[in-house]
N, C-alpha and C. Protein backbone atom coordinates (compact mmCIF):
# COMPACT_ATOMS: atom_id res chain seq x y z
N MET A 1 -13.35 18.59 5.18
CA MET A 1 -14.24 17.53 4.92
C MET A 1 -14.40 16.74 6.19
N GLU A 2 -15.60 16.28 6.43
CA GLU A 2 -15.96 15.42 7.58
C GLU A 2 -15.83 13.96 7.25
N TRP A 3 -15.53 13.18 8.18
CA TRP A 3 -15.43 11.72 8.02
C TRP A 3 -16.68 11.15 7.35
N TRP A 4 -17.86 11.56 7.85
CA TRP A 4 -19.11 10.94 7.33
C TRP A 4 -19.31 11.29 5.82
N GLU A 5 -18.82 12.47 5.40
CA GLU A 5 -18.94 12.77 3.96
C GLU A 5 -18.07 11.88 3.13
N LEU A 6 -16.88 11.58 3.54
CA LEU A 6 -16.03 10.59 2.81
C LEU A 6 -16.64 9.21 2.80
N VAL A 7 -17.06 8.78 3.99
CA VAL A 7 -17.70 7.48 4.04
C VAL A 7 -18.93 7.34 3.08
N HIS A 8 -19.73 8.37 3.06
CA HIS A 8 -20.92 8.35 2.24
C HIS A 8 -20.52 8.25 0.77
N ALA A 9 -19.55 9.07 0.38
CA ALA A 9 -19.12 9.13 -1.01
C ALA A 9 -18.48 7.73 -1.45
N LEU A 10 -17.64 7.23 -0.55
CA LEU A 10 -17.00 5.94 -0.87
C LEU A 10 -17.99 4.85 -0.97
N SER A 11 -18.98 4.81 -0.09
CA SER A 11 -20.01 3.72 -0.11
C SER A 11 -20.77 3.74 -1.41
N LYS A 12 -21.01 4.95 -1.97
CA LYS A 12 -21.69 5.03 -3.26
C LYS A 12 -20.79 4.57 -4.39
N ILE A 13 -19.51 5.04 -4.33
CA ILE A 13 -18.58 4.72 -5.42
C ILE A 13 -18.27 3.20 -5.47
N PHE A 14 -18.12 2.63 -4.30
CA PHE A 14 -17.81 1.15 -4.30
C PHE A 14 -19.02 0.30 -4.13
N ASP A 15 -20.26 0.95 -4.10
CA ASP A 15 -21.48 0.17 -3.95
C ASP A 15 -21.44 -0.73 -2.69
N LEU A 16 -21.08 -0.13 -1.63
CA LEU A 16 -20.97 -0.84 -0.32
C LEU A 16 -21.78 -0.14 0.72
N SER A 17 -22.09 -0.84 1.84
CA SER A 17 -22.71 -0.21 2.99
C SER A 17 -21.68 0.77 3.62
N GLU A 18 -22.19 1.79 4.29
CA GLU A 18 -21.22 2.70 4.96
C GLU A 18 -20.50 1.97 6.09
N ASN A 19 -21.06 0.86 6.60
CA ASN A 19 -20.38 0.07 7.65
C ASN A 19 -19.19 -0.70 7.10
N ASP A 20 -19.07 -0.81 5.77
CA ASP A 20 -17.99 -1.55 5.10
C ASP A 20 -16.79 -0.60 4.92
N ILE A 21 -16.83 0.56 5.41
CA ILE A 21 -15.69 1.54 5.30
C ILE A 21 -15.24 1.93 6.66
N GLY A 22 -13.98 1.76 6.97
CA GLY A 22 -13.53 2.11 8.28
C GLY A 22 -12.18 2.80 8.32
N LEU A 23 -11.95 3.45 9.41
CA LEU A 23 -10.67 4.19 9.64
C LEU A 23 -9.61 3.18 10.05
N LEU A 24 -8.47 3.24 9.39
CA LEU A 24 -7.28 2.39 9.66
C LEU A 24 -6.80 2.70 11.14
N ASP A 25 -6.78 1.68 11.96
CA ASP A 25 -6.28 1.77 13.27
C ASP A 25 -5.01 0.95 13.44
N VAL A 26 -3.89 1.54 13.32
CA VAL A 26 -2.55 0.75 13.30
C VAL A 26 -2.29 0.11 14.67
N ASP A 27 -3.01 0.53 15.71
CA ASP A 27 -2.77 -0.04 17.02
C ASP A 27 -3.59 -1.32 17.22
N ASP A 28 -4.55 -1.48 16.31
CA ASP A 28 -5.46 -2.70 16.43
C ASP A 28 -5.68 -3.29 15.11
N LEU A 29 -4.66 -3.96 14.51
CA LEU A 29 -4.75 -4.61 13.18
C LEU A 29 -5.39 -5.96 13.21
N LYS A 30 -5.55 -6.53 14.43
CA LYS A 30 -6.01 -7.87 14.52
C LYS A 30 -7.55 -8.07 14.40
N LYS A 31 -8.31 -6.99 14.77
CA LYS A 31 -9.74 -7.08 14.81
C LYS A 31 -10.25 -7.28 13.36
N PRO A 32 -11.39 -7.85 13.14
CA PRO A 32 -11.96 -7.98 11.75
C PRO A 32 -12.04 -6.56 11.14
N ARG A 33 -11.50 -6.44 9.93
CA ARG A 33 -11.40 -5.16 9.27
C ARG A 33 -12.47 -5.06 8.19
N PRO A 34 -13.05 -3.87 8.03
CA PRO A 34 -14.03 -3.68 6.87
C PRO A 34 -13.25 -3.81 5.58
N PRO A 35 -13.95 -4.07 4.48
CA PRO A 35 -13.43 -4.22 3.12
C PRO A 35 -12.57 -2.99 2.66
N VAL A 36 -12.94 -1.80 3.03
CA VAL A 36 -12.24 -0.64 2.69
C VAL A 36 -11.77 0.15 3.92
N LEU A 37 -10.44 0.26 4.03
CA LEU A 37 -9.81 1.03 5.13
C LEU A 37 -9.30 2.32 4.62
N VAL A 38 -9.42 3.40 5.45
CA VAL A 38 -8.92 4.67 5.08
C VAL A 38 -7.86 5.14 6.13
N GLU A 39 -6.68 5.46 5.66
CA GLU A 39 -5.68 6.12 6.49
C GLU A 39 -5.85 7.63 6.32
N TRP A 40 -6.12 8.35 7.39
CA TRP A 40 -6.43 9.76 7.36
C TRP A 40 -5.40 10.51 8.09
N ILE A 41 -4.59 11.41 7.42
CA ILE A 41 -3.56 12.21 7.93
C ILE A 41 -3.86 13.67 7.61
N GLU A 42 -3.85 14.53 8.54
CA GLU A 42 -4.14 15.95 8.33
C GLU A 42 -2.79 16.68 8.31
N ARG A 43 -2.67 17.60 7.32
CA ARG A 43 -1.55 18.40 7.14
C ARG A 43 -1.81 19.85 7.50
N GLU A 44 -0.77 20.65 7.75
CA GLU A 44 -0.96 22.07 8.20
C GLU A 44 -1.16 23.01 7.00
N SER A 45 -0.69 22.69 5.76
CA SER A 45 -0.89 23.58 4.71
C SER A 45 -0.90 22.78 3.40
N GLY A 46 -1.14 23.45 2.27
CA GLY A 46 -1.24 22.88 1.03
C GLY A 46 -2.54 21.99 0.93
N PHE A 47 -2.41 20.85 0.32
CA PHE A 47 -3.54 19.87 0.39
C PHE A 47 -3.57 19.32 1.80
N ARG A 48 -4.54 19.71 2.55
CA ARG A 48 -4.54 19.51 4.02
C ARG A 48 -4.86 18.15 4.48
N LEU A 49 -5.46 17.35 3.63
CA LEU A 49 -5.85 16.02 3.99
C LEU A 49 -5.23 15.01 3.15
N ASP A 50 -4.48 14.03 3.69
CA ASP A 50 -3.82 12.99 2.99
C ASP A 50 -4.51 11.70 3.33
N LEU A 51 -5.13 11.09 2.32
CA LEU A 51 -5.86 9.84 2.43
C LEU A 51 -5.18 8.71 1.67
N THR A 52 -5.07 7.56 2.30
CA THR A 52 -4.65 6.31 1.62
C THR A 52 -5.76 5.29 1.80
N PHE A 53 -6.07 4.64 0.73
CA PHE A 53 -7.14 3.67 0.73
C PHE A 53 -6.50 2.27 0.64
N TYR A 54 -7.02 1.35 1.46
CA TYR A 54 -6.71 -0.06 1.40
C TYR A 54 -7.93 -0.77 1.07
N ILE A 55 -8.03 -1.32 -0.18
CA ILE A 55 -9.25 -1.88 -0.67
C ILE A 55 -9.11 -3.41 -0.76
N GLY A 56 -9.99 -4.07 -0.05
CA GLY A 56 -9.89 -5.56 -0.05
C GLY A 56 -10.33 -6.18 -1.36
N VAL A 57 -9.87 -7.46 -1.57
CA VAL A 57 -10.14 -8.15 -2.80
C VAL A 57 -11.65 -8.38 -2.91
N GLU A 58 -12.39 -8.44 -1.85
CA GLU A 58 -13.82 -8.72 -1.87
C GLU A 58 -14.65 -7.58 -2.33
N VAL A 59 -14.04 -6.43 -2.53
CA VAL A 59 -14.81 -5.21 -3.02
C VAL A 59 -15.06 -5.38 -4.52
N PRO A 60 -16.35 -5.41 -4.88
CA PRO A 60 -16.72 -5.70 -6.32
C PRO A 60 -16.18 -4.61 -7.23
N SER A 61 -16.26 -3.37 -6.88
CA SER A 61 -15.82 -2.31 -7.74
C SER A 61 -14.33 -2.18 -7.69
N LYS A 62 -13.64 -2.05 -8.82
CA LYS A 62 -12.26 -2.02 -8.88
C LYS A 62 -11.76 -0.60 -9.14
N GLN A 63 -12.47 0.41 -8.63
CA GLN A 63 -12.08 1.87 -8.78
C GLN A 63 -10.81 2.05 -8.07
N ALA A 64 -9.87 2.63 -8.69
CA ALA A 64 -8.57 2.98 -8.04
C ALA A 64 -7.93 4.11 -8.80
N GLY A 65 -6.90 4.60 -8.24
CA GLY A 65 -5.99 5.60 -8.98
C GLY A 65 -6.78 6.83 -9.45
N MET A 66 -6.60 7.18 -10.73
CA MET A 66 -7.18 8.40 -11.28
C MET A 66 -8.70 8.27 -11.37
N ALA A 67 -9.22 7.12 -11.71
CA ALA A 67 -10.68 6.98 -11.81
C ALA A 67 -11.34 7.22 -10.47
N LEU A 68 -10.71 6.71 -9.38
CA LEU A 68 -11.31 6.89 -8.10
C LEU A 68 -11.13 8.38 -7.68
N ALA A 69 -10.03 9.00 -8.01
CA ALA A 69 -9.82 10.37 -7.66
C ALA A 69 -10.88 11.25 -8.38
N CYS A 70 -11.20 10.96 -9.63
CA CYS A 70 -12.19 11.63 -10.36
C CYS A 70 -13.59 11.55 -9.75
N ARG A 71 -13.95 10.37 -9.40
CA ARG A 71 -15.26 10.09 -8.80
C ARG A 71 -15.41 10.75 -7.44
N LEU A 72 -14.34 10.69 -6.64
CA LEU A 72 -14.30 11.35 -5.34
C LEU A 72 -14.37 12.84 -5.50
N ALA A 73 -13.65 13.45 -6.37
CA ALA A 73 -13.69 14.90 -6.59
C ALA A 73 -15.06 15.35 -6.96
N GLU A 74 -15.76 14.58 -7.83
CA GLU A 74 -17.12 14.97 -8.18
C GLU A 74 -18.08 14.75 -6.99
N ALA A 75 -17.97 13.64 -6.30
CA ALA A 75 -18.87 13.39 -5.25
C ALA A 75 -18.71 14.35 -4.03
N LEU A 76 -17.56 14.76 -3.80
CA LEU A 76 -17.19 15.61 -2.67
C LEU A 76 -17.26 17.11 -2.96
N GLY A 77 -17.17 17.42 -4.30
CA GLY A 77 -17.08 18.84 -4.69
C GLY A 77 -15.77 19.42 -4.31
N GLN A 78 -14.67 18.60 -4.29
CA GLN A 78 -13.35 19.09 -3.91
C GLN A 78 -12.28 18.57 -4.88
N GLU A 79 -11.24 19.29 -4.86
CA GLU A 79 -10.04 18.92 -5.67
C GLU A 79 -9.39 17.70 -4.96
N ILE A 80 -8.89 16.74 -5.76
CA ILE A 80 -8.29 15.49 -5.23
C ILE A 80 -6.95 15.33 -5.99
N LEU A 81 -5.93 15.02 -5.25
CA LEU A 81 -4.57 14.73 -5.84
C LEU A 81 -4.41 13.19 -5.68
N THR A 82 -3.78 12.65 -6.69
CA THR A 82 -3.44 11.20 -6.69
C THR A 82 -2.09 11.02 -7.37
N ASN A 83 -1.52 9.88 -7.24
CA ASN A 83 -0.27 9.58 -7.94
C ASN A 83 -0.52 9.40 -9.39
N PRO A 84 0.41 9.79 -10.24
CA PRO A 84 0.25 9.52 -11.71
C PRO A 84 0.29 7.99 -12.01
N PRO A 85 -0.35 7.66 -13.17
CA PRO A 85 -0.30 6.22 -13.53
C PRO A 85 1.17 5.86 -13.83
N GLU A 86 1.38 4.52 -13.68
CA GLU A 86 2.67 3.95 -14.01
C GLU A 86 2.89 3.95 -15.48
N ASP A 87 4.13 4.21 -15.86
CA ASP A 87 4.51 4.11 -17.29
C ASP A 87 4.44 2.73 -17.76
N PRO A 88 3.92 2.49 -19.03
CA PRO A 88 3.84 1.14 -19.50
C PRO A 88 5.20 0.41 -19.53
N ASP A 89 6.31 1.19 -19.70
CA ASP A 89 7.61 0.56 -19.75
C ASP A 89 8.21 0.33 -18.35
N GLY A 90 7.41 0.70 -17.29
CA GLY A 90 7.87 0.45 -15.98
C GLY A 90 8.72 1.57 -15.37
N ALA A 91 8.94 2.67 -16.13
CA ALA A 91 9.71 3.79 -15.61
C ALA A 91 8.97 4.49 -14.51
N MET A 92 9.64 4.92 -13.58
CA MET A 92 9.08 5.64 -12.40
C MET A 92 8.77 7.08 -12.84
N SER A 93 7.62 7.57 -12.36
CA SER A 93 7.26 8.97 -12.64
C SER A 93 8.09 9.83 -11.68
N SER A 94 8.17 11.15 -12.03
CA SER A 94 8.89 12.07 -11.17
C SER A 94 8.17 12.20 -9.79
N PRO A 95 9.01 12.17 -8.72
CA PRO A 95 8.38 12.26 -7.43
C PRO A 95 7.57 13.59 -7.09
N ASP A 96 7.80 14.58 -8.00
CA ASP A 96 7.07 15.81 -7.76
C ASP A 96 5.85 15.94 -8.66
N SER A 97 5.50 14.84 -9.42
CA SER A 97 4.36 14.85 -10.30
C SER A 97 3.09 14.29 -9.51
N TRP A 98 1.99 14.92 -9.77
CA TRP A 98 0.71 14.49 -9.21
C TRP A 98 -0.35 14.63 -10.33
N VAL A 99 -1.45 13.90 -10.11
CA VAL A 99 -2.63 14.12 -10.97
C VAL A 99 -3.64 14.84 -10.14
N LEU A 100 -4.15 15.92 -10.62
CA LEU A 100 -5.19 16.76 -10.00
C LEU A 100 -6.51 16.46 -10.64
N ALA A 101 -7.50 15.99 -9.84
CA ALA A 101 -8.83 15.77 -10.35
C ALA A 101 -9.72 16.90 -9.83
N LEU A 102 -10.46 17.52 -10.71
CA LEU A 102 -11.30 18.66 -10.28
C LEU A 102 -12.76 18.12 -10.17
N PRO A 103 -13.61 18.75 -9.34
CA PRO A 103 -14.99 18.41 -9.32
C PRO A 103 -15.77 18.46 -10.60
N THR A 104 -15.22 19.21 -11.60
CA THR A 104 -15.81 19.36 -12.92
C THR A 104 -15.57 18.14 -13.83
N GLY A 105 -14.71 17.18 -13.40
CA GLY A 105 -14.36 15.99 -14.18
C GLY A 105 -13.06 16.22 -14.91
N GLU A 106 -12.56 17.36 -14.96
CA GLU A 106 -11.22 17.67 -15.62
C GLU A 106 -10.07 17.00 -14.70
N ILE A 107 -9.06 16.51 -15.38
CA ILE A 107 -7.85 15.96 -14.72
C ILE A 107 -6.61 16.53 -15.36
N TYR A 108 -5.62 16.81 -14.56
CA TYR A 108 -4.34 17.42 -14.97
C TYR A 108 -3.16 16.76 -14.31
N VAL A 109 -2.05 16.73 -15.03
CA VAL A 109 -0.77 16.41 -14.41
C VAL A 109 -0.23 17.76 -13.94
N VAL A 110 0.14 17.80 -12.64
CA VAL A 110 0.66 19.01 -12.07
C VAL A 110 2.01 18.72 -11.31
N ARG A 111 2.76 19.70 -10.99
CA ARG A 111 4.05 19.54 -10.28
C ARG A 111 3.90 20.13 -8.92
N GLN A 112 4.52 19.48 -7.93
CA GLN A 112 4.63 20.05 -6.60
C GLN A 112 5.74 21.13 -6.64
N ILE A 113 5.42 22.22 -6.00
CA ILE A 113 6.32 23.42 -5.93
C ILE A 113 7.60 23.04 -5.17
N ASN A 114 7.53 22.48 -4.04
CA ASN A 114 8.66 22.11 -3.25
C ASN A 114 8.57 20.61 -2.82
N PRO A 115 9.13 19.73 -3.62
CA PRO A 115 9.05 18.27 -3.36
C PRO A 115 9.67 17.91 -1.97
N GLU A 116 10.48 18.68 -1.40
CA GLU A 116 11.10 18.42 -0.10
C GLU A 116 10.16 18.69 1.06
N SER A 117 9.10 19.40 0.83
CA SER A 117 8.19 19.83 1.86
C SER A 117 7.13 18.78 2.16
N ASP A 118 6.71 18.70 3.43
CA ASP A 118 5.56 17.82 3.74
C ASP A 118 4.28 18.44 3.20
N ALA A 119 4.20 19.78 3.06
CA ALA A 119 3.00 20.43 2.54
C ALA A 119 3.00 20.26 1.00
N VAL A 120 1.94 19.76 0.48
CA VAL A 120 1.80 19.59 -0.98
C VAL A 120 1.20 20.83 -1.59
N GLU A 121 2.01 21.67 -2.13
CA GLU A 121 1.59 22.86 -2.72
C GLU A 121 1.87 22.67 -4.23
N ILE A 122 0.91 22.84 -5.08
CA ILE A 122 1.03 22.51 -6.52
C ILE A 122 1.19 23.78 -7.36
N ASP A 123 1.86 23.67 -8.46
CA ASP A 123 2.04 24.75 -9.44
C ASP A 123 0.71 24.82 -10.26
N ARG A 124 0.03 25.93 -10.13
CA ARG A 124 -1.33 26.03 -10.80
C ARG A 124 -1.23 26.95 -12.07
N ALA A 125 -0.04 27.24 -12.56
CA ALA A 125 0.13 27.98 -13.73
C ALA A 125 -0.49 27.20 -14.90
N PRO A 126 -1.45 27.66 -15.60
CA PRO A 126 -2.16 26.93 -16.64
C PRO A 126 -1.17 26.40 -17.75
N GLU A 127 -0.15 27.15 -18.03
CA GLU A 127 0.81 26.68 -19.10
C GLU A 127 1.64 25.46 -18.66
N ARG A 128 1.64 25.17 -17.38
CA ARG A 128 2.37 24.01 -16.87
C ARG A 128 1.50 22.86 -16.38
N MET A 129 0.17 23.01 -16.55
CA MET A 129 -0.77 21.97 -16.20
C MET A 129 -1.12 21.18 -17.50
N LYS A 130 -0.80 19.81 -17.44
CA LYS A 130 -1.12 19.08 -18.62
C LYS A 130 -2.48 18.38 -18.49
N ARG A 131 -3.39 18.64 -19.34
CA ARG A 131 -4.73 18.05 -19.17
C ARG A 131 -4.72 16.58 -19.69
N LEU A 132 -5.36 15.72 -19.01
CA LEU A 132 -5.49 14.32 -19.30
C LEU A 132 -6.94 13.98 -19.66
N ARG A 133 -7.13 12.87 -20.28
CA ARG A 133 -8.53 12.40 -20.50
C ARG A 133 -8.57 10.94 -20.12
N LEU A 134 -9.65 10.51 -19.42
CA LEU A 134 -9.82 9.13 -19.09
C LEU A 134 -10.72 8.56 -20.14
N PRO A 135 -10.65 7.21 -20.48
CA PRO A 135 -9.52 6.38 -19.98
C PRO A 135 -8.24 6.60 -20.76
N LEU A 136 -7.13 6.40 -20.07
CA LEU A 136 -5.88 6.56 -20.69
C LEU A 136 -5.59 5.34 -21.53
N MET A 137 -5.20 5.51 -22.69
CA MET A 137 -4.87 4.34 -23.59
C MET A 137 -3.34 4.38 -23.83
N ASN A 138 -2.74 3.18 -23.73
CA ASN A 138 -1.30 3.02 -23.89
C ASN A 138 -1.04 2.68 -25.35
């Protein structure tokens, strides 16, 4: 994926100008920052791109988590992994659990094959993928 593709998709999802989305520069945190910052880390295998979004309070759309992953997957035509939602009772989810959003709109809870690895390879066996539906009701 190219940077401009991500910026274009995020600007539509958040209803912002493309100028309101910027790449996080940890060496220059003092300059005025755009409302949406993206930390972009490339990996050698598995899910090759690791993105973290920092969304300012001034952003009108409150898309986050699984809803944002679903919208991005559809907009980019790519699979997106995100963290699972928090348990209502405050329990931590397993560190090897992920939510996989597909471009088709389907979402699944999946497991990482080797949680100790920096490469995020997921178990794609259908019998171990748990389908979810948005919105999740507690």
